[in-house]
């Protein structure tokens, strides 16, 4: 489920423009975090390089069927994106729950 749909389910009574702005803020924050991690995290860079090497090796072995790897990668990215959106939203919900529990909001 996409983050926008999750937000609409969980804050359906809020004005839609607020939901849209919140979704945009979440998306931008996630993107910024990912880019910073990609630039600064040496382990991430090593894993990304390994992934590219394995991906290229498999794709080359597939020959004329190499487009299957691209399709698989696209689907995996879409699935990962949905997982990340859900995890991010759950973290936000957990944060608000904690703030309420300690009576800060």
Protein backbone atom coordinates (compact mmCIF):
# COMPACT_ATOMS: atom_id res chain seq x y z
CA UNK A 1 0.00 0.00 0.00
CA UNK A 2 1.39 3.41 -0.92
CA UNK A 3 2.11 5.97 1.79
CA UNK A 4 -0.55 8.31 0.44
CA UNK A 5 -3.21 5.61 0.82
CA UNK A 6 -2.00 4.77 4.33
CA UNK A 7 -2.17 8.40 5.32
CA UNK A 8 -5.66 8.77 3.90
CA UNK A 9 -6.79 5.71 5.90
CA UNK A 10 -5.26 6.96 9.15
CA UNK A 11 -6.01 10.67 8.92
CA UNK A 12 -9.09 10.56 6.74
CA UNK A 13 -10.87 13.26 8.73
CA UNK A 14 -8.15 15.85 8.05
CA UNK A 15 -8.39 18.19 5.06
CA UNK A 16 -7.02 16.55 1.92
CA UNK A 17 -4.58 19.38 1.29
CA UNK A 18 -2.97 18.69 4.67
CA UNK A 19 -2.69 15.00 3.81
CA UNK A 20 -1.11 15.84 0.46
CA UNK A 21 1.40 18.19 2.08
CA UNK A 22 2.22 15.63 4.77
CA UNK A 23 2.74 12.94 2.14
CA UNK A 24 5.03 15.23 0.18
CA UNK A 25 7.03 16.03 3.33
CA UNK A 26 7.41 12.33 4.16
CA UNK A 27 8.49 11.51 0.62
CA UNK A 28 11.05 14.31 0.57
CA UNK A 29 12.41 13.33 3.99
CA UNK A 30 12.78 9.70 2.90
CA UNK A 31 14.50 10.69 -0.30
CA UNK A 32 16.93 12.99 1.52
CA UNK A 33 17.80 10.29 4.05
CA UNK A 34 18.41 7.74 1.31
CA UNK A 35 20.64 10.10 -0.66
CA UNK A 36 22.68 11.04 2.41
CA UNK A 37 23.07 7.37 3.32
CA UNK A 38 24.14 6.54 -0.22
CA UNK A 39 26.76 9.31 -0.20
CA UNK A 40 28.19 8.77 3.29
CA UNK A 41 27.77 5.11 4.25
CA UNK A 42 30.75 3.04 3.10
CA UNK A 43 28.98 -0.26 3.83
CA UNK A 44 26.02 0.85 1.72
CA UNK A 45 28.37 1.75 -1.12
CA UNK A 46 30.08 -1.67 -0.92
CA UNK A 47 26.73 -3.47 -0.98
CA UNK A 48 25.51 -1.34 -3.88
CA UNK A 49 28.66 -2.18 -5.85
CA UNK A 50 28.26 -5.90 -5.09
CA UNK A 51 24.62 -5.75 -6.11
CA UNK A 52 25.49 -4.10 -9.42
CA UNK A 53 28.16 -6.69 -10.16
CA UNK A 54 25.86 -9.64 -9.44
CA UNK A 55 22.98 -8.04 -11.32
CA UNK A 56 25.17 -7.42 -14.38
CA UNK A 57 26.56 -10.96 -14.28
CA UNK A 58 23.09 -12.52 -14.17
CA UNK A 59 21.78 -10.17 -16.86
CA UNK A 60 24.71 -11.01 -19.14
CA UNK A 61 24.14 -14.74 -18.66
CA UNK A 62 20.49 -14.38 -19.62
CA UNK A 63 21.42 -13.10 -23.07
CA UNK A 64 18.33 -12.23 -25.06
CA UNK A 65 16.15 -12.70 -21.95
CA UNK A 66 18.02 -9.98 -20.04
CA UNK A 67 14.93 -7.75 -19.92
CA UNK A 68 13.55 -10.16 -17.33
CA UNK A 69 16.17 -8.91 -14.86
CA UNK A 70 15.15 -5.31 -15.46
CA UNK A 71 11.51 -6.22 -14.90
CA UNK A 72 12.43 -8.12 -11.73
CA UNK A 73 14.48 -5.19 -10.44
CA UNK A 74 11.65 -2.73 -11.13
CA UNK A 75 9.15 -4.93 -9.28
CA UNK A 76 11.55 -5.39 -6.35
CA UNK A 77 12.05 -1.63 -6.13
CA UNK A 78 8.29 -1.06 -6.09
CA UNK A 79 7.83 -3.64 -3.33
CA UNK A 80 10.69 -2.16 -1.30
CA UNK A 81 9.22 1.31 -1.70
CA UNK A 82 5.86 0.15 -0.36
CA UNK A 83 7.60 -1.55 2.60
CA UNK A 84 9.60 1.60 3.36
CA UNK A 85 6.50 3.80 3.19
CA UNK A 86 4.71 1.54 5.66
CA UNK A 87 7.69 1.39 8.03
CA UNK A 88 8.09 5.17 7.92
CA UNK A 89 4.41 5.72 8.66
CA UNK A 90 4.51 3.21 11.51
CA UNK A 91 7.51 5.03 12.97
CA UNK A 92 5.60 8.30 12.79
CA UNK A 93 2.58 6.71 14.48
CA UNK A 94 4.81 5.18 17.17
CA UNK A 95 6.45 8.55 17.79
CA UNK A 96 3.10 10.28 18.27
CA UNK A 97 1.93 7.44 20.54
CA UNK A 98 5.06 7.82 22.66
CA UNK A 99 4.67 11.61 22.87
CA UNK A 100 1.08 11.12 24.02
CA UNK A 101 2.14 8.47 26.55
CA UNK A 102 4.67 10.82 28.16
CA UNK A 103 2.08 13.61 27.92
CA UNK A 104 4.06 15.94 25.68
CA UNK A 105 1.12 16.21 23.31
